[in-house]
PDB file of N, CA and C in Angstrom:
ATOM      1  N   MET A   1      -1.603   7.156   7.019  1.00  0.00           N
ATOM      2  CA  MET A   1      -0.961   6.955   6.339  1.00  0.00           C
ATOM      3  C   MET A   1      -1.289   5.247   5.323  1.00  0.00           C
ATOM      4  N   LYS A   2      -1.771   5.183   4.238  1.00  0.00           N
ATOM      5  CA  LYS A   2      -2.280   4.382   3.786  1.00  0.00           C
ATOM      6  C   LYS A   2      -2.027   4.130   2.486  1.00  0.00           C
ATOM      7  N   LEU A   3      -1.011   2.509   1.679  1.00  0.00           N
ATOM      8  CA  LEU A   3      -0.580   3.265   0.365  1.00  0.00           C
ATOM      9  C   LEU A   3      -1.217   1.407  -0.197  1.00  0.00           C
ATOM     10  N   GLY A   4      -1.840   1.982  -1.360  1.00  0.00           N
ATOM     11  CA  GLY A   4      -2.083   0.127  -1.881  1.00  0.00           C
ATOM     12  C   GLY A   4      -1.368   0.135  -3.025  1.00  0.00           C
ATOM     13  N   PHE A   5      -1.410  -1.066  -3.596  1.00  0.00           N
ATOM     14  CA  PHE A   5      -0.641  -1.006  -4.869  1.00  0.00           C
ATOM     15  C   PHE A   5      -1.256  -2.888  -5.152  1.00  0.00           C
ATOM     16  N   TYR A   6      -0.631  -2.608  -6.233  1.00  0.00           N
ATOM     17  CA  TYR A   6      -1.149  -3.905  -7.439  1.00  0.00           C
ATOM     18  C   TYR A   6       0.471  -4.594  -7.916  1.00  0.00           C
ATOM     19  N   ALA A   7       0.143  -6.209  -7.133  1.00  0.00           N
ATOM     20  CA  ALA A   7       1.781  -6.323  -7.281  1.00  0.00           C
ATOM     21  C   ALA A   7       1.807  -7.004  -9.044  1.00  0.00           C
ATOM     22  N   ARG A   8       3.185  -6.803  -9.653  1.00  0.00           N
ATOM     23  CA  ARG A   8       3.644  -7.503 -10.678  1.00  0.00           C
ATOM     24  C   ARG A   8       2.471  -6.919 -11.910  1.00  0.00           C
ATOM     25  N   LEU A   9       2.881  -6.116 -11.689  1.00  0.00           N
ATOM     26  CA  LEU A   9       2.050  -4.739 -12.896  1.00  0.00           C
ATOM     27  C   LEU A   9       2.680  -5.302 -14.213  1.00  0.00           C
ATOM     28  N   THR A  10       2.689  -4.893 -15.501  1.00  0.00           N
ATOM     29  CA  THR A  10       3.161  -5.569 -16.437  1.00  0.00           C
ATOM     30  C   THR A  10       3.334  -3.765 -17.324  1.00  0.00           C
ATOM     31  N   ARG A  11       4.523  -3.258 -17.797  1.00  0.00           N
ATOM     32  CA  ARG A  11       4.024  -2.212 -18.251  1.00  0.00           C
ATOM     33  C   ARG A  11       3.937  -2.343 -20.242  1.00  0.00           C
ATOM     34  N   THR A  12       3.695  -1.268 -20.326  1.00  0.00           N
ATOM     35  CA  THR A  12       2.370  -1.042 -21.462  1.00  0.00           C
ATOM     36  C   THR A  12       2.545  -0.341 -23.134  1.00  0.00           C
ATOM     37  N   HIS A  13       4.539   0.087 -22.387  1.00  0.00           N
ATOM     38  CA  HIS A  13       4.719   0.511 -23.507  1.00  0.00           C
ATOM     39  C   HIS A  13       6.781  -0.405 -23.429  1.00  0.00           C
ATOM     40  N   ALA A  14       7.426  -0.564 -24.298  1.00  0.00           N
ATOM     41  CA  ALA A  14       8.444  -1.127 -24.044  1.00  0.00           C
ATOM     42  C   ALA A  14       9.409  -0.384 -25.517  1.00  0.00           C
ATOM     43  N   ARG A  15      10.717  -0.115 -25.506  1.00  0.00           N
ATOM     44  CA  ARG A  15      11.627  -0.314 -26.369  1.00  0.00           C
ATOM     45  C   ARG A  15      12.637  -1.314 -26.626  1.00  0.00           C
ATOM     46  N   SER A  16      13.233  -0.828 -27.659  1.00  0.00           N
ATOM     47  CA  SER A  16      14.556  -1.438 -28.269  1.00  0.00           C
ATOM     48  C   SER A  16      15.262  -0.779 -28.817  1.00  0.00           C
ATOM     49  N   GLN A  17      16.713  -1.726 -29.031  1.00  0.00           N
ATOM     50  CA  GLN A  17      17.351  -0.839 -29.950  1.00  0.00           C
ATOM     51  C   GLN A  17      16.786  -0.414 -31.440  1.00  0.00           C
ATOM     52  N   PRO A  18      17.380   0.358 -31.838  1.00  0.00           N
ATOM     53  CA  PRO A  18      17.066   1.232 -33.243  1.00  0.00           C
ATOM     54  C   PRO A  18      16.690  -0.056 -34.127  1.00  0.00           C
ATOM     55  N   GLY A  19      16.163  -0.259 -35.151  1.00  0.00           N
ATOM     56  CA  GLY A  19      15.969  -1.577 -35.584  1.00  0.00           C
ATOM     57  C   GLY A  19      15.536  -2.816 -35.465  1.00  0.00           C
ATOM     58  N   THR A  20      15.452  -2.989 -34.105  1.00  0.00           N
ATOM     59  CA  THR A  20      14.995  -4.639 -33.659  1.00  0.00           C
ATOM     60  C   THR A  20      13.622  -4.402 -33.000  1.00  0.00           C
ATOM     61  N   ILE A  21      13.150  -5.815 -33.336  1.00  0.00           N
ATOM     62  CA  ILE A  21      11.656  -5.766 -32.904  1.00  0.00           C
ATOM     63  C   ILE A  21      11.642  -5.902 -30.928  1.00  0.00           C
ATOM     64  N   VAL A  22      10.502  -5.086 -30.695  1.00  0.00           N
ATOM     65  CA  VAL A  22      10.327  -5.645 -29.009  1.00  0.00           C
ATOM     66  C   VAL A  22       9.666  -6.680 -28.520  1.00  0.00           C
ATOM     67  N   SER A  23      10.131  -8.457 -28.301  1.00  0.00           N
ATOM     68  CA  SER A  23       9.459  -9.232 -27.677  1.00  0.00           C
ATOM     69  C   SER A  23       9.307  -9.285 -26.364  1.00  0.00           C
ATOM     70  N   LEU A  24       7.906  -9.040 -26.143  1.00  0.00           N
ATOM     71  CA  LEU A  24       7.115  -8.848 -24.539  1.00  0.00           C
ATOM     72  C   LEU A  24       6.197 -10.487 -24.741  1.00  0.00           C
ATOM     73  N   PHE A  25       6.446 -10.617 -23.978  1.00  0.00           N
ATOM     74  CA  PHE A  25       5.519 -12.071 -23.122  1.00  0.00           C
ATOM     75  C   PHE A  25       4.646 -11.358 -21.425  1.00  0.00           C
ATOM     76  N   LYS A  26       3.906 -10.724 -22.144  1.00  0.00           N
ATOM     77  CA  LYS A  26       2.857 -10.495 -20.901  1.00  0.00           C
ATOM     78  C   LYS A  26       1.502 -11.843 -20.184  1.00  0.00           C
ATOM     79  N   PRO A  27       1.879 -11.641 -19.034  1.00  0.00           N
ATOM     80  CA  PRO A  27       0.943 -12.659 -18.953  1.00  0.00           C
ATOM     81  C   PRO A  27      -0.174 -12.454 -18.186  1.00  0.00           C
ATOM     82  N   PHE A  28      -1.481 -13.255 -18.358  1.00  0.00           N
ATOM     83  CA  PHE A  28      -2.954 -12.801 -18.669  1.00  0.00           C
ATOM     84  C   PHE A  28      -3.424 -13.595 -17.067  1.00  0.00           C
ATOM     85  N   TYR A  29      -2.924 -12.685 -16.252  1.00  0.00           N
ATOM     86  CA  TYR A  29      -3.727 -13.928 -14.386  1.00  0.00           C
ATOM     87  C   TYR A  29      -4.091 -11.851 -13.762  1.00  0.00           C
ATOM     88  N   ARG A  30      -4.911 -12.190 -13.355  1.00  0.00           N
ATOM     89  CA  ARG A  30      -5.271 -10.889 -12.291  1.00  0.00           C
ATOM     90  C   ARG A  30      -4.015 -11.131 -11.335  1.00  0.00           C
ATOM     91  N   VAL A  31      -3.232  -9.552 -10.858  1.00  0.00           N
ATOM     92  CA  VAL A  31      -2.550  -9.599 -10.281  1.00  0.00           C
ATOM     93  C   VAL A  31      -2.867  -9.840  -8.446  1.00  0.00           C
ATOM     94  N   ALA A  32      -2.382  -9.259  -7.419  1.00  0.00           N
ATOM     95  CA  ALA A  32      -2.396  -9.659  -6.005  1.00  0.00           C
ATOM     96  C   ALA A  32      -2.753  -8.182  -6.202  1.00  0.00           C
ATOM     97  N   LYS A  33      -3.543  -7.858  -5.105  1.00  0.00           N
ATOM     98  CA  LYS A  33      -3.893  -6.540  -4.224  1.00  0.00           C
ATOM     99  C   LYS A  33      -3.147  -6.546  -2.991  1.00  0.00           C
ATOM    100  N   ILE A  34      -2.326  -5.386  -2.605  1.00  0.00           N
ATOM    101  CA  ILE A  34      -1.519  -5.175  -1.134  1.00  0.00           C
ATOM    102  C   ILE A  34      -1.838  -4.284  -1.113  1.00  0.00           C
ATOM    103  N   THR A  35      -2.411  -3.968   0.276  1.00  0.00           N
ATOM    104  CA  THR A  35      -2.779  -2.599   1.260  1.00  0.00           C
ATOM    105  C   THR A  35      -1.571  -2.471   2.050  1.00  0.00           C
ATOM    106  N   ALA A  36      -0.801  -1.691   2.171  1.00  0.00           N
ATOM    107  CA  ALA A  36      -0.324  -1.116   3.443  1.00  0.00           C
ATOM    108  C   ALA A  36      -0.396   0.186   3.893  1.00  0.00           C
ATOM    109  N   ILE A  37      -0.797  -0.054   5.622  1.00  0.00           N
ATOM    110  CA  ILE A  37      -1.293   0.906   6.479  1.00  0.00           C
ATOM    111  C   ILE A  37      -0.490   1.064   7.646  1.00  0.00           C
ATOM    112  N   GLY A  38      -0.286   2.747   8.009  1.00  0.00           N
ATOM    113  CA  GLY A  38       0.520   2.990   8.673  1.00  0.00           C
ATOM    114  C   GLY A  38       0.407   4.208   9.601  1.00  0.00           C
ATOM    115  N   ALA A  39       1.014   4.093  10.982  1.00  0.00           N
ATOM    116  CA  ALA A  39       0.539   5.323  11.783  1.00  0.00           C
ATOM    117  C   ALA A  39       2.026   6.416  12.388  1.00  0.00           C
ATOM    118  N   ILE A  40       2.131   6.847  12.024  1.00  0.00           N
ATOM    119  CA  ILE A  40       3.409   8.026  12.680  1.00  0.00           C
ATOM    120  C   ILE A  40       2.900   8.751  13.435  1.00  0.00           C
ATOM    121  N   SER A  41       4.287   9.110  14.106  1.00  0.00           N
ATOM    122  CA  SER A  41       4.404  10.041  15.200  1.00  0.00           C
ATOM    123  C   SER A  41       5.742  11.066  14.726  1.00  0.00           C
ATOM    124  N   ILE A  42       5.581  12.778  15.403  1.00  0.00           N
ATOM    125  CA  ILE A  42       6.879  12.964  15.277  1.00  0.00           C
ATOM    126  C   ILE A  42       8.438  12.572  15.520  1.00  0.00           C
ATOM    127  N   ASN A  43       8.148  11.621  16.502  1.00  0.00           N
ATOM    128  CA  ASN A  43       9.294  10.637  16.600  1.00  0.00           C
ATOM    129  C   ASN A  43       9.909   9.864  15.565  1.00  0.00           C
ATOM    130  N   LYS A  44       8.448   8.987  15.432  1.00  0.00           N
ATOM    131  CA  LYS A  44       9.262   7.352  14.547  1.00  0.00           C
ATOM    132  C   LYS A  44       7.781   6.761  13.901  1.00  0.00           C
ATOM    133  N   MET A  45       7.978   5.736  13.215  1.00  0.00           N
ATOM    134  CA  MET A  45       6.888   5.365  12.779  1.00  0.00           C
ATOM    135  C   MET A  45       6.271   4.426  13.800  1.00  0.00           C
ATOM    136  N   ARG A  46       5.093   4.037  14.220  1.00  0.00           N
ATOM    137  CA  ARG A  46       4.359   3.728  15.362  1.00  0.00           C
ATOM    138  C   ARG A  46       3.864   2.098  15.128  1.00  0.00           C
ATOM    139  N   ALA A  47       3.442   2.009  14.060  1.00  0.00           N
ATOM    140  CA  ALA A  47       2.302   1.076  13.625  1.00  0.00           C
ATOM    141  C   ALA A  47       2.565   0.724  12.108  1.00  0.00           C
ATOM    142  N   VAL A  48       2.801  -0.372  11.322  1.00  0.00           N
ATOM    143  CA  VAL A  48       2.428  -0.380  10.128  1.00  0.00           C
ATOM    144  C   VAL A  48       2.342  -2.020   9.689  1.00  0.00           C
ATOM    145  N   ILE A  49       1.261  -2.597   8.707  1.00  0.00           N
ATOM    146  CA  ILE A  49       0.524  -3.335   8.428  1.00  0.00           C
ATOM    147  C   ILE A  49       0.738  -3.837   6.954  1.00  0.00           C
ATOM    148  N   THR A  50       0.643  -4.895   6.576  1.00  0.00           N
ATOM    149  CA  THR A  50       0.558  -4.630   4.819  1.00  0.00           C
ATOM    150  C   THR A  50      -0.543  -6.049   4.927  1.00  0.00           C
ATOM    151  N   ILE A  51      -1.447  -5.467   4.300  1.00  0.00           N
ATOM    152  CA  ILE A  51      -2.780  -6.898   3.677  1.00  0.00           C
ATOM    153  C   ILE A  51      -3.136  -7.390   2.233  1.00  0.00           C
ATOM    154  N   ASN A  52      -2.965  -9.074   2.112  1.00  0.00           N
ATOM    155  CA  ASN A  52      -2.285  -8.695   0.990  1.00  0.00           C
ATOM    156  C   ASN A  52      -4.307  -8.818   0.581  1.00  0.00           C
ATOM    157  N   ASP A  53      -4.824  -8.059   0.286  1.00  0.00           N
ATOM    158  CA  ASP A  53      -6.176  -7.802  -0.239  1.00  0.00           C
ATOM    159  C   ASP A  53      -5.927  -5.924  -0.187  1.00  0.00           C
ATOM    160  N   LEU A  54      -7.771  -5.677  -0.545  1.00  0.00           N
ATOM    161  CA  LEU A  54      -7.956  -4.778  -0.527  1.00  0.00           C
ATOM    162  C   LEU A  54      -8.328  -3.964   1.416  1.00  0.00           C
ATOM    163  N   MET A  55      -8.358  -2.820   1.269  1.00  0.00           N
ATOM    164  CA  MET A  55      -8.427  -2.642   2.869  1.00  0.00           C
ATOM    165  C   MET A  55     -10.122  -1.925   3.168  1.00  0.00           C
ATOM    166  N   ASP A  56     -11.332  -2.709   3.967  1.00  0.00           N
ATOM    167  CA  ASP A  56     -12.242  -3.014   4.346  1.00  0.00           C
ATOM    168  C   ASP A  56     -11.754  -2.416   6.022  1.00  0.00           C
ATOM    169  N   GLY A  57     -13.872  -2.223   6.675  1.00  0.00           N
ATOM    170  CA  GLY A  57     -13.699  -2.154   7.480  1.00  0.00           C
ATOM    171  C   GLY A  57     -12.927  -3.468   8.634  1.00  0.00           C
ATOM    172  N   ALA A  58     -12.936  -4.172   8.718  1.00  0.00           N
ATOM    173  CA  ALA A  58     -12.253  -5.445   9.001  1.00  0.00           C
ATOM    174  C   ALA A  58     -11.115  -4.959   9.492  1.00  0.00           C
ATOM    175  N   ALA A  59     -10.344  -5.379   8.494  1.00  0.00           N
ATOM    176  CA  ALA A  59      -8.928  -4.919   8.283  1.00  0.00           C
ATOM    177  C   ALA A  59      -8.859  -3.397   8.982  1.00  0.00           C
ATOM    178  N   LEU A  60      -9.253  -2.921   8.561  1.00  0.00           N
ATOM    179  CA  LEU A  60      -9.085  -1.315   9.650  1.00  0.00           C
ATOM    180  C   LEU A  60      -9.045  -1.670  10.883  1.00  0.00           C
ATOM    181  N   ALA A  61     -10.073  -2.650  11.405  1.00  0.00           N
ATOM    182  CA  ALA A  61     -10.326  -2.837  13.044  1.00  0.00           C
ATOM    183  C   ALA A  61      -9.322  -3.956  13.110  1.00  0.00           C
ATOM    184  N   VAL A  62      -8.833  -4.579  12.695  1.00  0.00           N
ATOM    185  CA  VAL A  62      -7.345  -5.464  13.358  1.00  0.00           C
ATOM    186  C   VAL A  62      -6.510  -4.597  13.340  1.00  0.00           C
ATOM    187  N   PHE A  63      -6.132  -3.550  12.148  1.00  0.00           N
ATOM    188  CA  PHE A  63      -5.005  -2.756  12.301  1.00  0.00           C
ATOM    189  C   PHE A  63      -5.132  -1.925  13.725  1.00  0.00           C
ATOM    190  N   ILE A  64      -6.415  -0.912  13.801  1.00  0.00           N
ATOM    191  CA  ILE A  64      -6.192  -0.345  15.273  1.00  0.00           C
ATOM    192  C   ILE A  64      -5.932  -0.941  16.224  1.00  0.00           C
ATOM    193  N   ASP A  65      -6.627  -2.318  16.499  1.00  0.00           N
ATOM    194  CA  ASP A  65      -6.391  -3.085  17.948  1.00  0.00           C
ATOM    195  C   ASP A  65      -5.485  -4.004  17.756  1.00  0.00           C
ATOM    196  N   LYS A  66      -4.223  -4.370  17.093  1.00  0.00           N
ATOM    197  CA  LYS A  66      -3.885  -4.755  16.959  1.00  0.00           C
ATOM    198  C   LYS A  66      -2.434  -3.912  17.161  1.00  0.00           C
ATOM    199  N   SER A  67      -2.239  -3.106  15.999  1.00  0.00           N
ATOM    200  CA  SER A  67      -0.782  -2.371  15.253  1.00  0.00           C
ATOM    201  C   SER A  67      -0.811  -1.107  16.560  1.00  0.00           C
ATOM    202  N   LEU A  68      -2.255  -0.065  16.121  1.00  0.00           N
ATOM    203  CA  LEU A  68      -2.218   0.890  16.540  1.00  0.00           C
ATOM    204  C   LEU A  68      -2.208   1.441  18.233  1.00  0.00           C
ATOM    205  N   CYS A  69      -3.055   0.607  18.621  1.00  0.00           N
ATOM    206  CA  CYS A  69      -3.632   0.907  20.423  1.00  0.00           C
ATOM    207  C   CYS A  69      -2.350   0.462  20.962  1.00  0.00           C
ATOM    208  N   PRO A  70      -2.007  -0.111  20.689  1.00  0.00           N
ATOM    209  CA  PRO A  70      -0.575  -1.023  21.787  1.00  0.00           C
ATOM    210  C   PRO A  70       0.797   0.259  21.644  1.00  0.00           C
ATOM    211  N   GLU A  71       0.745   1.347  20.887  1.00  0.00           N
ATOM    212  CA  GLU A  71       1.224   2.150  20.277  1.00  0.00           C
ATOM    213  C   GLU A  71       1.287   3.432  20.792  1.00  0.00           C
ATOM    214  N   LEU A  72      -0.426   3.396  21.160  1.00  0.00           N
ATOM    215  CA  LEU A  72      -0.568   5.182  21.697  1.00  0.00           C
ATOM    216  C   LEU A  72       0.129   4.791  23.070  1.00  0.00           C
ATOM    217  N   TRP A  73      -0.180   6.704  24.084  1.00  0.00           N
ATOM    218  CA  TRP A  73       0.581   6.307  25.312  1.00  0.00           C
ATOM    219  C   TRP A  73      -1.208   7.901  24.985  1.00  0.00           C
ATOM    220  N   ALA A  74      -0.975   8.331  26.934  1.00  0.00           N
ATOM    221  CA  ALA A  74      -1.712   8.781  27.391  1.00  0.00           C
ATOM    222  C   ALA A  74      -1.708  10.107  27.145  1.00  0.00           C
ATOM    223  N   GLY A  75      -3.054  10.580  25.883  1.00  0.00           N
ATOM    224  CA  GLY A  75      -2.709  12.613  25.621  1.00  0.00           C
ATOM    225  C   GLY A  75      -2.623  11.675  24.235  1.00  0.00           C
ATOM    226  N   ALA A  76      -2.326  10.953  23.632  1.00  0.00           N
ATOM    227  CA  ALA A  76      -2.126  10.865  21.979  1.00  0.00           C
ATOM    228  C   ALA A  76      -2.874  11.046  21.517  1.00  0.00           C
ATOM    229  N   VAL A  77      -3.420  11.367  20.102  1.00  0.00           N
ATOM    230  CA  VAL A  77      -3.836  12.201  19.171  1.00  0.00           C
ATOM    231  C   VAL A  77      -4.418  11.192  17.588  1.00  0.00           C
ATOM    232  N   VAL A  78      -4.835  10.665  17.565  1.00  0.00           N
ATOM    233  CA  VAL A  78      -5.318   9.981  15.995  1.00  0.00           C
ATOM    234  C   VAL A  78      -5.916  10.950  15.303  1.00  0.00           C
ATOM    235  N   VAL A  79      -5.310  10.954  14.399  1.00  0.00           N
ATOM    236  CA  VAL A  79      -6.213  12.089  12.783  1.00  0.00           C
ATOM    237  C   VAL A  79      -6.063  10.923  11.773  1.00  0.00           C
ATOM    238  N   LYS A  80      -7.266  10.833  11.476  1.00  0.00           N
ATOM    239  CA  LYS A  80      -7.629   9.899  10.304  1.00  0.00           C
ATOM    240  C   LYS A  80      -7.384  10.613   9.098  1.00  0.00           C
ATOM    241  N   HIS A  81      -6.736  10.231   7.841  1.00  0.00           N
ATOM    242  CA  HIS A  81      -7.184  11.046   6.391  1.00  0.00           C
ATOM    243  C   HIS A  81      -7.021  10.114   5.100  1.00  0.00           C
ATOM    244  N   ASN A  82      -7.695  10.419   4.597  1.00  0.00           N
ATOM    245  CA  ASN A  82      -7.961   9.645   3.438  1.00  0.00           C
ATOM    246  C   ASN A  82      -7.526  10.742   1.825  1.00  0.00           C
ATOM    247  N   LEU A  83      -6.273  10.900   1.631  1.00  0.00           N
ATOM    248  CA  LEU A  83      -6.170  11.856   1.005  1.00  0.00           C
ATOM    249  C   LEU A  83      -5.384  11.529  -0.928  1.00  0.00           C
ATOM    250  N   PRO A  84      -5.970  11.653  -1.487  1.00  0.00           N
ATOM    251  CA  PRO A  84      -5.461  10.848  -2.640  1.00  0.00           C
ATOM    252  C   PRO A  84      -3.754  11.424  -3.037  1.00  0.00           C
ATOM    253  N   LEU A  85      -3.020  10.664  -3.976  1.00  0.00           N
ATOM    254  CA  LEU A  85      -1.726  10.552  -3.808  1.00  0.00           C
ATOM    255  C   LEU A  85      -1.793  12.292  -5.062  1.00  0.00           C
ATOM    256  N   ILE A  86      -1.126  12.779  -5.321  1.00  0.00           N
ATOM    257  CA  ILE A  86      -1.345  14.040  -5.939  1.00  0.00           C
ATOM    258  C   ILE A  86       0.393  13.812  -6.959  1.00  0.00           C
ATOM    259  N   ASN A  87      -0.065  13.604  -7.834  1.00  0.00           N
ATOM    260  CA  ASN A  87       1.736  13.168  -9.051  1.00  0.00           C
ATOM    261  C   ASN A  87       2.166  14.574  -8.920  1.00  0.00           C
TER     262      ASN A  87
END
């Protein structure tokens, strides 16, 4: 399971009481990129890490080496998928 999201996103639309004006401060800076990656089994969540950047090959190697492999048992099967989320 891999989930990526941007921290501190601002809304593009606002609502206010009838007859009032919306006042909005929208910060002008780039937001942090955070990736969460994890592994689950039938019984429980096996390994989870978050990365303060986008996922790349080096980050995946660290996840596999430091988090996933210690949680595996003899005969375990690992299936990797990268399916888009469907709304």
